[in-house]
């Protein structure tokens, strides 16, 4: 699922039209329409994403909240900011990337990554 698809589906699930959603929240309908159709990128600003999350009725810290932020970061080719604050996790990212590419990985490093995922 893309950011655009998630945003549109979440808004539609609330039964609000694009125009009503924008009027209620002070958003520009053409800009939101372009974003929902994937014609414009998700915002980079955490503040703007929080504004959208609130308007979509997403509870802070919920799975849907993180999905909105994670999809936005992924589409911009970035790692979510909250993950970058965890130095241990950042240190494991190269192992994850190599694993996802199917490259050989040191077994101890992979075990550490797996353990970290299990604890999450």
PDB file of N, CA and C in Angstrom:
ATOM      1  N   UNK A   1       0.845  -1.173   0.000  1.00  0.00           N
ATOM      2  CA  UNK A   1       0.000   0.000   0.000  1.00  0.00           C
ATOM      3  C   UNK A   1       0.890   1.236   0.000  1.00  0.00           C
ATOM      4  N   UNK A   2       0.508   2.227  -0.760  1.00  0.00           N
ATOM      5  CA  UNK A   2       1.258   3.476  -0.813  1.00  0.00           C
ATOM      6  C   UNK A   2       0.689   4.477   0.183  1.00  0.00           C
ATOM      7  N   UNK A   3       1.439   5.554   0.401  1.00  0.00           N
ATOM      8  CA  UNK A   3       0.958   6.629   1.256  1.00  0.00           C
ATOM      9  C   UNK A   3      -0.373   7.156   0.724  1.00  0.00           C
ATOM     10  N   UNK A   4      -0.434   7.394  -0.588  1.00  0.00           N
ATOM     11  CA  UNK A   4      -1.646   7.932  -1.212  1.00  0.00           C
ATOM     12  C   UNK A   4      -2.833   7.005  -0.975  1.00  0.00           C
ATOM     13  N   UNK A   5      -2.642   5.713  -1.189  1.00  0.00           N
ATOM     14  CA  UNK A   5      -3.732   4.750  -0.993  1.00  0.00           C
ATOM     15  C   UNK A   5      -4.177   4.710   0.466  1.00  0.00           C
ATOM     16  N   UNK A   6      -3.216   4.714   1.371  1.00  0.00           N
ATOM     17  CA  UNK A   6      -3.550   4.678   2.798  1.00  0.00           C
ATOM     18  C   UNK A   6      -4.308   5.933   3.203  1.00  0.00           C
ATOM     19  N   UNK A   7      -3.830   7.091   2.764  1.00  0.00           N
ATOM     20  CA  UNK A   7      -4.465   8.358   3.115  1.00  0.00           C
ATOM     21  C   UNK A   7      -5.903   8.370   2.611  1.00  0.00           C
ATOM     22  N   UNK A   8      -6.092   8.039   1.338  1.00  0.00           N
ATOM     23  CA  UNK A   8      -7.434   8.065   0.739  1.00  0.00           C
ATOM     24  C   UNK A   8      -8.359   7.067   1.439  1.00  0.00           C
ATOM     25  N   UNK A   9      -7.877   5.851   1.665  1.00  0.00           N
ATOM     26  CA  UNK A   9      -8.707   4.824   2.300  1.00  0.00           C
ATOM     27  C   UNK A   9      -9.092   5.219   3.715  1.00  0.00           C
ATOM     28  N   UNK A  10      -8.177   5.817   4.456  1.00  0.00           N
ATOM     29  CA  UNK A  10      -8.467   6.233   5.830  1.00  0.00           C
ATOM     30  C   UNK A  10      -9.509   7.341   5.847  1.00  0.00           C
ATOM     31  N   UNK A  11      -9.359   8.314   4.953  1.00  0.00           N
ATOM     32  CA  UNK A  11     -10.357   9.390   4.863  1.00  0.00           C
ATOM     33  C   UNK A  11     -11.710   8.830   4.455  1.00  0.00           C
ATOM     34  N   UNK A  12     -11.732   7.979   3.432  1.00  0.00           N
ATOM     35  CA  UNK A  12     -12.986   7.422   2.919  1.00  0.00           C
ATOM     36  C   UNK A  12     -13.672   6.541   3.965  1.00  0.00           C
ATOM     37  N   UNK A  13     -12.882   5.838   4.769  1.00  0.00           N
ATOM     38  CA  UNK A  13     -13.437   4.967   5.812  1.00  0.00           C
ATOM     39  C   UNK A  13     -14.263   5.777   6.811  1.00  0.00           C
ATOM     40  N   UNK A  14     -13.933   7.046   6.953  1.00  0.00           N
ATOM     41  CA  UNK A  14     -14.675   7.921   7.856  1.00  0.00           C
ATOM     42  C   UNK A  14     -15.951   8.451   7.208  1.00  0.00           C
ATOM     43  N   UNK A  15     -16.131   8.135   5.924  1.00  0.00           N
ATOM     44  CA  UNK A  15     -17.334   8.562   5.219  1.00  0.00           C
ATOM     45  C   UNK A  15     -17.328  10.024   4.823  1.00  0.00           C
ATOM     46  N   UNK A  16     -16.144  10.629   4.762  1.00  0.00           N
ATOM     47  CA  UNK A  16     -16.063  12.044   4.388  1.00  0.00           C
ATOM     48  C   UNK A  16     -15.551  12.176   2.956  1.00  0.00           C
ATOM     49  N   UNK A  17     -16.207  13.047   2.222  1.00  0.00           N
ATOM     50  CA  UNK A  17     -15.731  13.341   0.874  1.00  0.00           C
ATOM     51  C   UNK A  17     -14.439  14.142   0.978  1.00  0.00           C
ATOM     52  N   UNK A  18     -13.708  14.181  -0.107  1.00  0.00           N
ATOM     53  CA  UNK A  18     -12.470  14.958  -0.135  1.00  0.00           C
ATOM     54  C   UNK A  18     -12.752  16.410   0.211  1.00  0.00           C
ATOM     55  N   UNK A  19     -13.774  16.976  -0.412  1.00  0.00           N
ATOM     56  CA  UNK A  19     -14.095  18.387  -0.188  1.00  0.00           C
ATOM     57  C   UNK A  19     -14.481  18.634   1.274  1.00  0.00           C
ATOM     58  N   UNK A  20     -15.321  17.771   1.842  1.00  0.00           N
ATOM     59  CA  UNK A  20     -15.739  17.948   3.236  1.00  0.00           C
ATOM     60  C   UNK A  20     -14.531  17.821   4.176  1.00  0.00           C
ATOM     61  N   UNK A  21     -13.690  16.837   3.925  1.00  0.00           N
ATOM     62  CA  UNK A  21     -12.487  16.642   4.734  1.00  0.00           C
ATOM     63  C   UNK A  21     -11.628  17.905   4.718  1.00  0.00           C
ATOM     64  N   UNK A  22     -11.429  18.467   3.530  1.00  0.00           N
ATOM     65  CA  UNK A  22     -10.586  19.653   3.400  1.00  0.00           C
ATOM     66  C   UNK A  22     -11.219  20.867   4.071  1.00  0.00           C
ATOM     67  N   UNK A  23     -12.515  21.040   3.875  1.00  0.00           N
ATOM     68  CA  UNK A  23     -13.204  22.185   4.504  1.00  0.00           C
ATOM     69  C   UNK A  23     -13.143  22.096   6.023  1.00  0.00           C
ATOM     70  N   UNK A  24     -13.341  20.906   6.569  1.00  0.00           N
ATOM     71  CA  UNK A  24     -13.325  20.720   8.025  1.00  0.00           C
ATOM     72  C   UNK A  24     -11.954  20.982   8.634  1.00  0.00           C
ATOM     73  N   UNK A  25     -10.905  20.777   7.841  1.00  0.00           N
ATOM     74  CA  UNK A  25      -9.552  20.850   8.386  1.00  0.00           C
ATOM     75  C   UNK A  25      -8.699  21.973   7.812  1.00  0.00           C
ATOM     76  N   UNK A  26      -9.271  22.791   6.940  1.00  0.00           N
ATOM     77  CA  UNK A  26      -8.536  23.919   6.376  1.00  0.00           C
ATOM     78  C   UNK A  26      -7.470  23.533   5.366  1.00  0.00           C
ATOM     79  N   UNK A  27      -7.666  22.382   4.679  1.00  0.00           N
ATOM     80  CA  UNK A  27      -6.720  21.935   3.666  1.00  0.00           C
ATOM     81  C   UNK A  27      -7.192  22.386   2.287  1.00  0.00           C
ATOM     82  N   UNK A  28      -6.254  22.493   1.363  1.00  0.00           N
ATOM     83  CA  UNK A  28      -6.554  22.866  -0.009  1.00  0.00           C
ATOM     84  C   UNK A  28      -6.976  21.610  -0.784  1.00  0.00           C
ATOM     85  N   UNK A  29      -8.235  21.540  -1.251  1.00  0.00           N
ATOM     86  CA  UNK A  29      -8.699  20.320  -1.927  1.00  0.00           C
ATOM     87  C   UNK A  29      -7.839  19.871  -3.120  1.00  0.00           C
ATOM     88  N   UNK A  30      -7.408  20.786  -4.013  1.00  0.00           N
ATOM     89  CA  UNK A  30      -6.565  20.299  -5.120  1.00  0.00           C
ATOM     90  C   UNK A  30      -5.246  19.661  -4.639  1.00  0.00           C
ATOM     91  N   UNK A  31      -4.644  20.217  -3.599  1.00  0.00           N
ATOM     92  CA  UNK A  31      -3.392  19.639  -3.078  1.00  0.00           C
ATOM     93  C   UNK A  31      -3.629  18.254  -2.472  1.00  0.00           C
ATOM     94  N   UNK A  32      -4.692  18.105  -1.706  1.00  0.00           N
ATOM     95  CA  UNK A  32      -4.995  16.808  -1.096  1.00  0.00           C
ATOM     96  C   UNK A  32      -5.365  15.804  -2.186  1.00  0.00           C
ATOM     97  N   UNK A  33      -6.099  16.236  -3.182  1.00  0.00           N
ATOM     98  CA  UNK A  33      -6.460  15.361  -4.295  1.00  0.00           C
ATOM     99  C   UNK A  33      -5.216  14.846  -5.016  1.00  0.00           C
ATOM    100  N   UNK A  34      -4.276  15.741  -5.304  1.00  0.00           N
ATOM    101  CA  UNK A  34      -3.030  15.325  -5.960  1.00  0.00           C
ATOM    102  C   UNK A  34      -2.267  14.328  -5.092  1.00  0.00           C
ATOM    103  N   UNK A  35      -2.244  14.589  -3.788  1.00  0.00           N
ATOM    104  CA  UNK A  35      -1.530  13.696  -2.880  1.00  0.00           C
ATOM    105  C   UNK A  35      -2.215  12.329  -2.839  1.00  0.00           C
ATOM    106  N   UNK A  36      -3.543  12.304  -2.777  1.00  0.00           N
ATOM    107  CA  UNK A  36      -4.281  11.046  -2.719  1.00  0.00           C
ATOM    108  C   UNK A  36      -4.162  10.242  -4.016  1.00  0.00           C
ATOM    109  N   UNK A  37      -3.902  10.906  -5.110  1.00  0.00           N
ATOM    110  CA  UNK A  37      -3.739  10.212  -6.390  1.00  0.00           C
ATOM    111  C   UNK A  37      -2.277   9.867  -6.662  1.00  0.00           C
ATOM    112  N   UNK A  38      -1.392  10.198  -5.723  1.00  0.00           N
ATOM    113  CA  UNK A  38       0.017   9.881  -5.864  1.00  0.00           C
ATOM    114  C   UNK A  38       0.747  10.790  -6.830  1.00  0.00           C
ATOM    115  N   UNK A  39       0.155  11.937  -7.148  1.00  0.00           N
ATOM    116  CA  UNK A  39       0.779  12.881  -8.071  1.00  0.00           C
ATOM    117  C   UNK A  39       1.728  13.834  -7.369  1.00  0.00           C
ATOM    118  N   UNK A  40       1.594  13.925  -6.059  1.00  0.00           N
ATOM    119  CA  UNK A  40       2.547  14.717  -5.278  1.00  0.00           C
ATOM    120  C   UNK A  40       3.050  13.850  -4.135  1.00  0.00           C
ATOM    121  N   UNK A  41       4.253  14.129  -3.702  1.00  0.00           N
ATOM    122  CA  UNK A  41       4.891  13.336  -2.645  1.00  0.00           C
ATOM    123  C   UNK A  41       4.281  13.636  -1.286  1.00  0.00           C
ATOM    124  N   UNK A  42       4.395  12.677  -0.377  1.00  0.00           N
ATOM    125  CA  UNK A  42       3.964  12.952   0.999  1.00  0.00           C
ATOM    126  C   UNK A  42       4.794  14.096   1.575  1.00  0.00           C
ATOM    127  N   UNK A  43       4.244  14.835   2.514  1.00  0.00           N
ATOM    128  CA  UNK A  43       5.015  15.924   3.109  1.00  0.00           C
ATOM    129  C   UNK A  43       6.226  15.408   3.874  1.00  0.00           C
ATOM    130  N   UNK A  44       7.266  16.226   3.892  1.00  0.00           N
ATOM    131  CA  UNK A  44       8.467  15.877   4.668  1.00  0.00           C
ATOM    132  C   UNK A  44       8.334  16.326   6.107  1.00  0.00           C
ATOM    133  N   UNK A  45       7.566  17.362   6.332  1.00  0.00           N
ATOM    134  CA  UNK A  45       7.427  17.960   7.655  1.00  0.00           C
ATOM    135  C   UNK A  45       6.664  17.038   8.606  1.00  0.00           C
ATOM    136  N   UNK A  46       7.299  16.737   9.734  1.00  0.00           N
ATOM    137  CA  UNK A  46       6.620  15.934  10.755  1.00  0.00           C
ATOM    138  C   UNK A  46       5.366  16.650  11.247  1.00  0.00           C
ATOM    139  N   UNK A  47       5.444  17.971  11.356  1.00  0.00           N
ATOM    140  CA  UNK A  47       4.293  18.744  11.817  1.00  0.00           C
ATOM    141  C   UNK A  47       3.112  18.591  10.864  1.00  0.00           C
ATOM    142  N   UNK A  48       3.368  18.622   9.556  1.00  0.00           N
ATOM    143  CA  UNK A  48       2.292  18.477   8.577  1.00  0.00           C
ATOM    144  C   UNK A  48       1.724  17.060   8.629  1.00  0.00           C
ATOM    145  N   UNK A  49       2.590  16.063   8.764  1.00  0.00           N
ATOM    146  CA  UNK A  49       2.105  14.689   8.884  1.00  0.00           C
ATOM    147  C   UNK A  49       1.260  14.517  10.149  1.00  0.00           C
ATOM    148  N   UNK A  50       1.673  15.151  11.241  1.00  0.00           N
ATOM    149  CA  UNK A  50       0.877  15.086  12.470  1.00  0.00           C
ATOM    150  C   UNK A  50      -0.481  15.766  12.270  1.00  0.00           C
ATOM    151  N   UNK A  51      -0.484  16.864  11.537  1.00  0.00           N
ATOM    152  CA  UNK A  51      -1.737  17.561  11.235  1.00  0.00           C
ATOM    153  C   UNK A  51      -2.666  16.647  10.427  1.00  0.00           C
ATOM    154  N   UNK A  52      -2.108  15.971   9.426  1.00  0.00           N
ATOM    155  CA  UNK A  52      -2.905  15.036   8.626  1.00  0.00           C
ATOM    156  C   UNK A  52      -3.398  13.873   9.481  1.00  0.00           C
ATOM    157  N   UNK A  53      -2.514  13.326  10.312  1.00  0.00           N
ATOM    158  CA  UNK A  53      -2.893  12.196  11.168  1.00  0.00           C
ATOM    159  C   UNK A  53      -4.052  12.586  12.077  1.00  0.00           C
ATOM    160  N   UNK A  54      -3.978  13.755  12.662  1.00  0.00           N
ATOM    161  CA  UNK A  54      -5.055  14.230  13.534  1.00  0.00           C
ATOM    162  C   UNK A  54      -6.352  14.393  12.748  1.00  0.00           C
ATOM    163  N   UNK A  55      -6.258  14.988  11.562  1.00  0.00           N
ATOM    164  CA  UNK A  55      -7.452  15.197  10.730  1.00  0.00           C
ATOM    165  C   UNK A  55      -8.061  13.862  10.303  1.00  0.00           C
ATOM    166  N   UNK A  56      -7.226  12.858  10.121  1.00  0.00           N
ATOM    167  CA  UNK A  56      -7.714  11.529   9.734  1.00  0.00           C
ATOM    168  C   UNK A  56      -8.229  10.734  10.933  1.00  0.00           C
ATOM    169  N   UNK A  57      -8.088  11.304  12.132  1.00  0.00           N
ATOM    170  CA  UNK A  57      -8.574  10.642  13.335  1.00  0.00           C
ATOM    171  C   UNK A  57      -7.678   9.517  13.818  1.00  0.00           C
ATOM    172  N   UNK A  58      -6.388   9.583  13.477  1.00  0.00           N
ATOM    173  CA  UNK A  58      -5.461   8.544  13.895  1.00  0.00           C
ATOM    174  C   UNK A  58      -4.940   8.848  15.294  1.00  0.00           C
ATOM    175  N   UNK A  59      -5.018   7.866  16.156  1.00  0.00           N
ATOM    176  CA  UNK A  59      -4.553   8.028  17.525  1.00  0.00           C
ATOM    177  C   UNK A  59      -3.034   7.966  17.549  1.00  0.00           C
ATOM    178  N   UNK A  60      -2.418   8.954  18.197  1.00  0.00           N
ATOM    179  CA  UNK A  60      -0.958   8.998  18.274  1.00  0.00           C
ATOM    180  C   UNK A  60      -0.425   7.708  18.888  1.00  0.00           C
ATOM    181  N   UNK A  61       0.548   7.110  18.199  1.00  0.00           N
ATOM    182  CA  UNK A  61       1.156   5.881  18.677  1.00  0.00           C
ATOM    183  C   UNK A  61       0.451   4.612  18.221  1.00  0.00           C
ATOM    184  N   UNK A  62      -0.685   4.745  17.526  1.00  0.00           N
ATOM    185  CA  UNK A  62      -1.407   3.565  17.049  1.00  0.00           C
ATOM    186  C   UNK A  62      -0.704   2.988  15.815  1.00  0.00           C
ATOM    187  N   UNK A  63      -1.094   1.782  15.445  1.00  0.00           N
ATOM    188  CA  UNK A  63      -0.532   1.166  14.242  1.00  0.00           C
ATOM    189  C   UNK A  63      -0.789   2.043  13.019  1.00  0.00           C
ATOM    190  N   UNK A  64      -1.988   2.609  12.931  1.00  0.00           N
ATOM    191  CA  UNK A  64      -2.331   3.454  11.786  1.00  0.00           C
ATOM    192  C   UNK A  64      -1.476   4.716  11.768  1.00  0.00           C
ATOM    193  N   UNK A  65      -1.219   5.276  12.941  1.00  0.00           N
ATOM    194  CA  UNK A  65      -0.373   6.468  13.058  1.00  0.00           C
ATOM    195  C   UNK A  65       1.010   6.172  12.468  1.00  0.00           C
ATOM    196  N   UNK A  66       1.615   5.064  12.930  1.00  0.00           N
ATOM    197  CA  UNK A  66       2.945   4.694  12.444  1.00  0.00           C
ATOM    198  C   UNK A  66       2.922   4.332  10.966  1.00  0.00           C
ATOM    199  N   UNK A  67       1.842   3.719  10.510  1.00  0.00           N
ATOM    200  CA  UNK A  67       1.737   3.384   9.088  1.00  0.00           C
ATOM    201  C   UNK A  67       1.796   4.642   8.239  1.00  0.00           C
ATOM    202  N   UNK A  68       1.063   5.678   8.628  1.00  0.00           N
ATOM    203  CA  UNK A  68       1.071   6.940   7.879  1.00  0.00           C
ATOM    204  C   UNK A  68       2.484   7.515   7.804  1.00  0.00           C
ATOM    205  N   UNK A  69       3.170   7.559   8.931  1.00  0.00           N
ATOM    206  CA  UNK A  69       4.522   8.122   8.987  1.00  0.00           C
ATOM    207  C   UNK A  69       5.533   7.232   8.251  1.00  0.00           C
ATOM    208  N   UNK A  70       5.396   5.916   8.407  1.00  0.00           N
ATOM    209  CA  UNK A  70       6.334   5.000   7.752  1.00  0.00           C
ATOM    210  C   UNK A  70       6.172   5.011   6.237  1.00  0.00           C
ATOM    211  N   UNK A  71       4.938   5.042   5.761  1.00  0.00           N
ATOM    212  CA  UNK A  71       4.714   5.109   4.317  1.00  0.00           C
ATOM    213  C   UNK A  71       5.257   6.410   3.738  1.00  0.00           C
ATOM    214  N   UNK A  72       5.057   7.507   4.451  1.00  0.00           N
ATOM    215  CA  UNK A  72       5.585   8.797   3.987  1.00  0.00           C
ATOM    216  C   UNK A  72       7.107   8.751   3.910  1.00  0.00           C
ATOM    217  N   UNK A  73       7.741   8.223   4.932  1.00  0.00           N
ATOM    218  CA  UNK A  73       9.215   8.142   4.951  1.00  0.00           C
ATOM    219  C   UNK A  73       9.721   7.226   3.836  1.00  0.00           C
ATOM    220  N   UNK A  74       9.077   6.080   3.675  1.00  0.00           N
ATOM    221  CA  UNK A  74       9.515   5.120   2.653  1.00  0.00           C
ATOM    222  C   UNK A  74       9.411   5.720   1.256  1.00  0.00           C
ATOM    223  N   UNK A  75       8.325   6.428   0.992  1.00  0.00           N
ATOM    224  CA  UNK A  75       8.161   7.022  -0.342  1.00  0.00           C
ATOM    225  C   UNK A  75       9.151   8.152  -0.600  1.00  0.00           C
ATOM    226  N   UNK A  76       9.644   8.758   0.459  1.00  0.00           N
ATOM    227  CA  UNK A  76      10.659   9.803   0.297  1.00  0.00           C
ATOM    228  C   UNK A  76      12.068   9.202   0.327  1.00  0.00           C
ATOM    229  N   UNK A  77      12.149   7.881   0.510  1.00  0.00           N
ATOM    230  CA  UNK A  77      13.445   7.216   0.553  1.00  0.00           C
ATOM    231  C   UNK A  77      14.206   7.478   1.836  1.00  0.00           C
ATOM    232  N   UNK A  78      13.484   7.631   2.927  1.00  0.00           N
ATOM    233  CA  UNK A  78      14.109   7.951   4.211  1.00  0.00           C
ATOM    234  C   UNK A  78      13.739   6.921   5.271  1.00  0.00           C
ATOM    235  N   UNK A  79      14.532   6.883   6.302  1.00  0.00           N
ATOM    236  CA  UNK A  79      14.245   6.053   7.467  1.00  0.00           C
ATOM    237  C   UNK A  79      13.473   6.937   8.446  1.00  0.00           C
ATOM    238  N   UNK A  80      12.384   6.417   9.025  1.00  0.00           N
ATOM    239  CA  UNK A  80      11.602   7.232   9.964  1.00  0.00           C
ATOM    240  C   UNK A  80      12.467   7.836  11.074  1.00  0.00           C
ATOM    241  N   UNK A  81      12.197   9.097  11.400  1.00  0.00           N
ATOM    242  CA  UNK A  81      12.990   9.843  12.377  1.00  0.00           C
ATOM    243  C   UNK A  81      13.080   9.154  13.735  1.00  0.00           C
ATOM    244  N   UNK A  82      11.960   8.573  14.193  1.00  0.00           N
ATOM    245  CA  UNK A  82      11.991   7.947  15.512  1.00  0.00           C
ATOM    246  C   UNK A  82      12.960   6.763  15.543  1.00  0.00           C
ATOM    247  N   UNK A  83      13.161   6.108  14.423  1.00  0.00           N
ATOM    248  CA  UNK A  83      14.096   4.984  14.362  1.00  0.00           C
ATOM    249  C   UNK A  83      15.540   5.474  14.363  1.00  0.00           C
ATOM    250  N   UNK A  84      15.776   6.616  13.754  1.00  0.00           N
ATOM    251  CA  UNK A  84      17.141   7.144  13.691  1.00  0.00           C
ATOM    252  C   UNK A  84      17.669   7.565  15.057  1.00  0.00           C
ATOM    253  N   UNK A  85      16.785   7.771  16.006  1.00  0.00           N
ATOM    254  CA  UNK A  85      17.197   8.171  17.354  1.00  0.00           C
ATOM    255  C   UNK A  85      17.771   6.993  18.150  1.00  0.00           C
ATOM    256  N   UNK A  86      17.497   5.785  17.696  1.00  0.00           N
ATOM    257  CA  UNK A  86      17.963   4.582  18.390  1.00  0.00           C
ATOM    258  C   UNK A  86      19.281   4.136  17.755  1.00  0.00           C
ATOM    259  N   UNK A  87      20.400   4.473  18.410  1.00  0.00           N
ATOM    260  CA  UNK A  87      21.731   4.194  17.847  1.00  0.00           C
ATOM    261  C   UNK A  87      21.966   2.706  17.628  1.00  0.00           C
ATOM    262  N   UNK A  88      21.480   1.878  18.526  1.00  0.00           N
ATOM    263  CA  UNK A  88      21.656   0.432  18.378  1.00  0.00           C
ATOM    264  C   UNK A  88      20.930  -0.067  17.130  1.00  0.00           C
ATOM    265  N   UNK A  89      19.720   0.397  16.942  1.00  0.00           N
ATOM    266  CA  UNK A  89      18.948   0.010  15.761  1.00  0.00           C
ATOM    267  C   UNK A  89      19.614   0.501  14.479  1.00  0.00           C
ATOM    268  N   UNK A  90      20.070   1.731  14.473  1.00  0.00           N
ATOM    269  CA  UNK A  90      20.752   2.281  13.293  1.00  0.00           C
ATOM    270  C   UNK A  90      21.979   1.437  12.956  1.00  0.00           C
ATOM    271  N   UNK A  91      22.679   0.962  13.979  1.00  0.00           N
ATOM    272  CA  UNK A  91      23.841   0.124  13.753  1.00  0.00           C
ATOM    273  C   UNK A  91      23.502  -1.220  13.117  1.00  0.00           C
ATOM    274  N   UNK A  92      22.260  -1.659  13.297  1.00  0.00           N
ATOM    275  CA  UNK A  92      21.833  -2.934  12.718  1.00  0.00           C
ATOM    276  C   UNK A  92      21.255  -2.791  11.315  1.00  0.00           C
ATOM    277  N   UNK A  93      20.997  -1.597  10.882  1.00  0.00           N
ATOM    278  CA  UNK A  93      20.380  -1.406   9.569  1.00  0.00           C
ATOM    279  C   UNK A  93      21.195  -1.994   8.419  1.00  0.00           C
ATOM    280  N   UNK A  94      22.521  -1.851   8.422  1.00  0.00           N
ATOM    281  CA  UNK A  94      23.272  -2.481   7.321  1.00  0.00           C
ATOM    282  C   UNK A  94      23.048  -3.997   7.237  1.00  0.00           C
ATOM    283  N   UNK A  95      22.919  -4.645   8.391  1.00  0.00           N
ATOM    284  CA  UNK A  95      22.650  -6.087   8.410  1.00  0.00           C
ATOM    285  C   UNK A  95      21.281  -6.358   7.781  1.00  0.00           C
ATOM    286  N   UNK A  96      20.313  -5.574   8.146  1.00  0.00           N
ATOM    287  CA  UNK A  96      18.972  -5.723   7.580  1.00  0.00           C
ATOM    288  C   UNK A  96      19.002  -5.508   6.069  1.00  0.00           C
ATOM    289  N   UNK A  97      19.665  -4.459   5.624  1.00  0.00           N
ATOM    290  CA  UNK A  97      19.719  -4.166   4.194  1.00  0.00           C
ATOM    291  C   UNK A  97      20.381  -5.301   3.419  1.00  0.00           C
ATOM    292  N   UNK A  98      21.496  -5.822   3.941  1.00  0.00           N
ATOM    293  CA  UNK A  98      22.188  -6.924   3.266  1.00  0.00           C
ATOM    294  C   UNK A  98      21.300  -8.168   3.233  1.00  0.00           C
ATOM    295  N   UNK A  99      20.604  -8.418   4.330  1.00  0.00           N
ATOM    296  CA  UNK A  99      19.707  -9.570   4.395  1.00  0.00           C
ATOM    297  C   UNK A  99      18.602  -9.443   3.357  1.00  0.00           C
ATOM    298  N   UNK A 100      18.007  -8.272   3.265  1.00  0.00           N
ATOM    299  CA  UNK A 100      16.931  -8.054   2.297  1.00  0.00           C
ATOM    300  C   UNK A 100      17.416  -8.195   0.855  1.00  0.00           C
ATOM    301  N   UNK A 101      18.677  -7.864   0.628  1.00  0.00           N
ATOM    302  CA  UNK A 101      19.251  -8.019  -0.720  1.00  0.00           C
ATOM    303  C   UNK A 101      19.672  -9.458  -1.007  1.00  0.00           C
ATOM    304  N   UNK A 102      19.625 -10.307   0.009  1.00  0.00           N
ATOM    305  CA  UNK A 102      20.039 -11.696  -0.181  1.00  0.00           C
ATOM    306  C   UNK A 102      21.538 -11.884  -0.113  1.00  0.00           C
ATOM    307  N   UNK A 103      22.249 -10.912   0.457  1.00  0.00           N
ATOM    308  CA  UNK A 103      23.696 -11.013   0.591  1.00  0.00           C
ATOM    309  C   UNK A 103      24.055 -11.762   1.871  1.00  0.00           C
ATOM    310  N   UNK A 104      25.252 -12.297   1.882  1.00  0.00           N
ATOM    311  CA  UNK A 104      25.744 -13.032   3.049  1.00  0.00           C
ATOM    312  C   UNK A 104      25.930 -12.063   4.220  1.00  0.00           C
ATOM    313  N   UNK A 105      25.509 -12.521   5.397  1.00  0.00           N
ATOM    314  CA  UNK A 105      25.576 -11.695   6.604  1.00  0.00           C
ATOM    315  C   UNK A 105      26.219 -12.498   7.715  1.00  0.00           C
ATOM    316  N   UNK A 106      27.021 -11.839   8.541  1.00  0.00           N
ATOM    317  CA  UNK A 106      27.626 -12.467   9.713  1.00  0.00           C
ATOM    318  C   UNK A 106      26.507 -13.029  10.592  1.00  0.00           C
ATOM    319  N   UNK A 107      26.602 -14.287  10.972  1.00  0.00           N
ATOM    320  CA  UNK A 107      25.519 -14.943  11.709  1.00  0.00           C
ATOM    321  C   UNK A 107      25.252 -14.297  13.068  1.00  0.00           C
ATOM    322  N   UNK A 108      26.294 -13.813  13.752  1.00  0.00           N
ATOM    323  CA  UNK A 108      26.079 -13.148  15.048  1.00  0.00           C
ATOM    324  C   UNK A 108      25.301 -11.855  14.866  1.00  0.00           C
ATOM    325  N   UNK A 109      25.640 -11.099  13.835  1.00  0.00           N
ATOM    326  CA  UNK A 109      24.926  -9.850  13.574  1.00  0.00           C
ATOM    327  C   UNK A 109      23.470 -10.130  13.223  1.00  0.00           C
ATOM    328  N   UNK A 110      23.245 -11.181  12.435  1.00  0.00           N
ATOM    329  CA  UNK A 110      21.883 -11.541  12.064  1.00  0.00           C
ATOM    330  C   UNK A 110      21.099 -12.003  13.289  1.00  0.00           C
ATOM    331  N   UNK A 111      21.741 -12.787  14.162  1.00  0.00           N
ATOM    332  CA  UNK A 111      21.085 -13.228  15.398  1.00  0.00           C
ATOM    333  C   UNK A 111      20.696 -12.034  16.260  1.00  0.00           C
ATOM    334  N   UNK A 112      21.570 -11.042  16.358  1.00  0.00           N
ATOM    335  CA  UNK A 112      21.260  -9.829  17.124  1.00  0.00           C
ATOM    336  C   UNK A 112      20.052  -9.106  16.537  1.00  0.00           C
ATOM    337  N   UNK A 113      20.010  -9.021  15.216  1.00  0.00           N
ATOM    338  CA  UNK A 113      18.881  -8.357  14.552  1.00  0.00           C
ATOM    339  C   UNK A 113      17.587  -9.107  14.804  1.00  0.00           C
ATOM    340  N   UNK A 114      17.624 -10.424  14.654  1.00  0.00           N
ATOM    341  CA  UNK A 114      16.441 -11.240  14.890  1.00  0.00           C
ATOM    342  C   UNK A 114      15.950 -11.085  16.326  1.00  0.00           C
ATOM    343  N   UNK A 115      16.857 -11.092  17.278  1.00  0.00           N
ATOM    344  CA  UNK A 115      16.491 -10.925  18.682  1.00  0.00           C
ATOM    345  C   UNK A 115      15.833  -9.557  18.918  1.00  0.00           C
ATOM    346  N   UNK A 116      16.384  -8.548  18.293  1.00  0.00           N
ATOM    347  CA  UNK A 116      15.818  -7.193  18.432  1.00  0.00           C
ATOM    348  C   UNK A 116      14.398  -7.146  17.855  1.00  0.00           C
ATOM    349  N   UNK A 117      14.189  -7.810  16.737  1.00  0.00           N
ATOM    350  CA  UNK A 117      12.855  -7.842  16.124  1.00  0.00           C
ATOM    351  C   UNK A 117      11.878  -8.596  17.012  1.00  0.00           C
ATOM    352  N   UNK A 118      12.322  -9.696  17.582  1.00  0.00           N
ATOM    353  CA  UNK A 118      11.452 -10.469  18.484  1.00  0.00           C
ATOM    354  C   UNK A 118      11.017  -9.667  19.701  1.00  0.00           C
ATOM    355  N   UNK A 119      11.896  -8.837  20.209  1.00  0.00           N
ATOM    356  CA  UNK A 119      11.588  -8.027  21.390  1.00  0.00           C
ATOM    357  C   UNK A 119      10.658  -6.851  21.083  1.00  0.00           C
ATOM    358  N   UNK A 120      10.569  -6.489  19.824  1.00  0.00           N
ATOM    359  CA  UNK A 120       9.776  -5.314  19.434  1.00  0.00           C
ATOM    360  C   UNK A 120       8.289  -5.557  19.606  1.00  0.00           C
TER     361      UNK A 120
END
